Every structure is written in C-alpha cells, then in structure tokens.
C-alpha cells in the first residue's frame, strides 16, 4: 500500500472541492483525509494501491466543475499510519 500527500493550489476553496475529493476517494476505495489550508489551498492524504492513487491524482488535477487547479505539490511514501476511511477534516 502506498500513500499520496498532495497540496492542491488554485481556486479550490468554496467550490465543493473537499466533498468532491471525499466522494472520489471513497468511490476508488481509498483511505485518508482532505482539508482546507490557510492561504486557499487544499491538502489531502490518500492511501491505497499505487495505480488507484495515480487515478486519484489525475482527477485532482481537474477538480470539480467550479474549481480551477493551477498546481499540485505531491509526494509519495509508504504507509506509516493506516486510516480506516476517507474523511473531511475541519
């Protein structure tokens, strides 16, 4: 199992990005979380099969219809703390 940590930049707050990412991750069978960050970015950590995580990343590049993703900073790692579901952090 792999882990993807991503900071999504652009117009990604106030456009339902977190709910969209949560639905997408759950549909893909991923675990982890998503949250808004100060400065207008969205942060997510997702765990699962590497190929599925690549699909998740590709979808993050597009975002939901109202979002405008300009950049994603990401890194890959092995799982240290295993999550049980995918949630929105507030």
C-alpha atoms as a PDB file:
ATOM      1  CA  UNK A   1       0.000   0.000   0.000  1.00  0.00           C
ATOM      2  CA  UNK A   2       1.241   3.491  -0.909  1.00  0.00           C
ATOM      3  CA  UNK A   3       0.416   6.944   0.375  1.00  0.00           C
ATOM      4  CA  UNK A   4      -0.017  10.150  -1.621  1.00  0.00           C
ATOM      5  CA  UNK A   5       0.270  13.531   0.094  1.00  0.00           C
ATOM      6  CA  UNK A   6      -0.870  16.445  -2.074  1.00  0.00           C
ATOM      7  CA  UNK A   7      -1.304  20.190  -1.724  1.00  0.00           C
ATOM      8  CA  UNK A   8      -3.751  21.406  -4.365  1.00  0.00           C
ATOM      9  CA  UNK A   9      -3.425  25.053  -5.372  1.00  0.00           C
ATOM     10  CA  UNK A  10      -5.656  27.389  -7.350  1.00  0.00           C
ATOM     11  CA  UNK A  11      -9.332  28.174  -6.882  1.00  0.00           C
ATOM     12  CA  UNK A  12     -10.036  25.152  -4.712  1.00  0.00           C
ATOM     13  CA  UNK A  13     -11.841  26.531  -1.666  1.00  0.00           C
ATOM     14  CA  UNK A  14     -15.519  27.460  -1.738  1.00  0.00           C
ATOM     15  CA  UNK A  15     -16.134  25.217  -4.769  1.00  0.00           C
ATOM     16  CA  UNK A  16     -17.062  21.929  -3.032  1.00  0.00           C
ATOM     17  CA  UNK A  17     -13.551  20.539  -3.584  1.00  0.00           C
ATOM     18  CA  UNK A  18     -13.354  18.665  -0.257  1.00  0.00           C
ATOM     19  CA  UNK A  19     -16.723  16.931  -0.679  1.00  0.00           C
ATOM     20  CA  UNK A  20     -15.882  16.073  -4.286  1.00  0.00           C
ATOM     21  CA  UNK A  21     -12.472  14.659  -3.283  1.00  0.00           C
ATOM     22  CA  UNK A  22     -14.062  12.630  -0.486  1.00  0.00           C
ATOM     23  CA  UNK A  23     -16.660  11.130  -2.845  1.00  0.00           C
ATOM     24  CA  UNK A  24     -13.993  10.355  -5.433  1.00  0.00           C
ATOM     25  CA  UNK A  25     -11.670   8.739  -2.898  1.00  0.00           C
ATOM     26  CA  UNK A  26     -14.469   6.622  -1.448  1.00  0.00           C
ATOM     27  CA  UNK A  27     -15.551   5.530  -4.940  1.00  0.00           C
ATOM     28  CA  UNK A  28     -11.953   4.467  -5.630  1.00  0.00           C
ATOM     29  CA  UNK A  29     -11.702   2.618  -2.300  1.00  0.00           C
ATOM     30  CA  UNK A  30      -9.025   4.921  -0.873  1.00  0.00           C
ATOM     31  CA  UNK A  31      -8.495   5.879   2.759  1.00  0.00           C
ATOM     32  CA  UNK A  32      -7.243   9.142   4.213  1.00  0.00           C
ATOM     33  CA  UNK A  33      -8.475  12.713   4.533  1.00  0.00           C
ATOM     34  CA  UNK A  34      -8.846  16.116   2.862  1.00  0.00           C
ATOM     35  CA  UNK A  35      -8.876  19.595   4.431  1.00  0.00           C
ATOM     36  CA  UNK A  36      -8.704  23.305   3.641  1.00  0.00           C
ATOM     37  CA  UNK A  37      -5.462  25.071   4.458  1.00  0.00           C
ATOM     38  CA  UNK A  38      -4.746  28.695   5.275  1.00  0.00           C
ATOM     39  CA  UNK A  39      -3.879  30.557   2.106  1.00  0.00           C
ATOM     40  CA  UNK A  40      -6.590  28.947  -0.002  1.00  0.00           C
ATOM     41  CA  UNK A  41      -5.006  25.549  -0.711  1.00  0.00           C
ATOM     42  CA  UNK A  42      -6.455  22.084  -0.117  1.00  0.00           C
ATOM     43  CA  UNK A  43      -4.383  19.296   1.445  1.00  0.00           C
ATOM     44  CA  UNK A  44      -5.098  15.602   1.094  1.00  0.00           C
ATOM     45  CA  UNK A  45      -3.521  12.348   2.194  1.00  0.00           C
ATOM     46  CA  UNK A  46      -4.740   9.214   0.430  1.00  0.00           C
ATOM     47  CA  UNK A  47      -3.744   5.587   0.921  1.00  0.00           C
ATOM     48  CA  UNK A  48      -4.269   2.637  -1.368  1.00  0.00           C
ATOM     49  CA  UNK A  49      -2.982   0.806  -4.403  1.00  0.00           C
ATOM     50  CA  UNK A  50      -0.449   2.888  -6.369  1.00  0.00           C
ATOM     51  CA  UNK A  51      -2.360   2.654  -9.658  1.00  0.00           C
ATOM     52  CA  UNK A  52      -5.584   3.808  -7.992  1.00  0.00           C
ATOM     53  CA  UNK A  53      -3.701   6.660  -6.309  1.00  0.00           C
ATOM     54  CA  UNK A  54      -2.419   7.735  -9.738  1.00  0.00           C
ATOM     55  CA  UNK A  55      -6.031   7.883 -10.950  1.00  0.00           C
ATOM     56  CA  UNK A  56      -6.940   9.944  -7.882  1.00  0.00           C
ATOM     57  CA  UNK A  57      -4.057  12.333  -8.618  1.00  0.00           C
ATOM     58  CA  UNK A  58      -5.116  12.728 -12.250  1.00  0.00           C
ATOM     59  CA  UNK A  59      -8.638  13.580 -11.107  1.00  0.00           C
ATOM     60  CA  UNK A  60      -7.302  16.097  -8.578  1.00  0.00           C
ATOM     61  CA  UNK A  61      -5.655  17.935 -11.476  1.00  0.00           C
ATOM     62  CA  UNK A  62      -9.128  18.544 -12.928  1.00  0.00           C
ATOM     63  CA  UNK A  63     -11.114  19.038  -9.726  1.00  0.00           C
ATOM     64  CA  UNK A  64     -14.871  19.583  -9.546  1.00  0.00           C
ATOM     65  CA  UNK A  65     -16.599  21.803 -12.142  1.00  0.00           C
ATOM     66  CA  UNK A  66     -16.222  25.131 -10.268  1.00  0.00           C
ATOM     67  CA  UNK A  67     -12.575  24.565  -9.256  1.00  0.00           C
ATOM     68  CA  UNK A  68      -9.549  25.820 -11.157  1.00  0.00           C
ATOM     69  CA  UNK A  69      -6.482  23.795 -10.185  1.00  0.00           C
ATOM     70  CA  UNK A  70      -3.252  25.595 -11.019  1.00  0.00           C
ATOM     71  CA  UNK A  71      -0.709  23.286  -9.397  1.00  0.00           C
ATOM     72  CA  UNK A  72      -0.320  20.237  -7.173  1.00  0.00           C
ATOM     73  CA  UNK A  73       2.659  19.680  -4.892  1.00  0.00           C
ATOM     74  CA  UNK A  74       2.800  15.991  -4.071  1.00  0.00           C
ATOM     75  CA  UNK A  75       4.962  13.304  -2.597  1.00  0.00           C
ATOM     76  CA  UNK A  76       4.732   9.544  -2.316  1.00  0.00           C
ATOM     77  CA  UNK A  77       5.585   7.447   0.718  1.00  0.00           C
ATOM     78  CA  UNK A  78       4.872   4.128   2.331  1.00  0.00           C
ATOM     79  CA  UNK A  79       2.021   3.968   4.818  1.00  0.00           C
ATOM     80  CA  UNK A  80       3.021   4.740   8.398  1.00  0.00           C
ATOM     81  CA  UNK A  81      -0.384   5.287   9.985  1.00  0.00           C
ATOM     82  CA  UNK A  82      -3.210   3.369   8.326  1.00  0.00           C
ATOM     83  CA  UNK A  83      -6.572   5.131   8.090  1.00  0.00           C
ATOM     84  CA  UNK A  84      -9.911   3.309   8.242  1.00  0.00           C
ATOM     85  CA  UNK A  85     -11.907   5.563   5.874  1.00  0.00           C
ATOM     86  CA  UNK A  86     -11.671   8.791   3.874  1.00  0.00           C
ATOM     87  CA  UNK A  87     -12.912  11.866   5.708  1.00  0.00           C
ATOM     88  CA  UNK A  88     -13.062  15.639   5.534  1.00  0.00           C
ATOM     89  CA  UNK A  89     -11.073  17.337   8.289  1.00  0.00           C
ATOM     90  CA  UNK A  90     -12.313  20.679   9.599  1.00  0.00           C
END
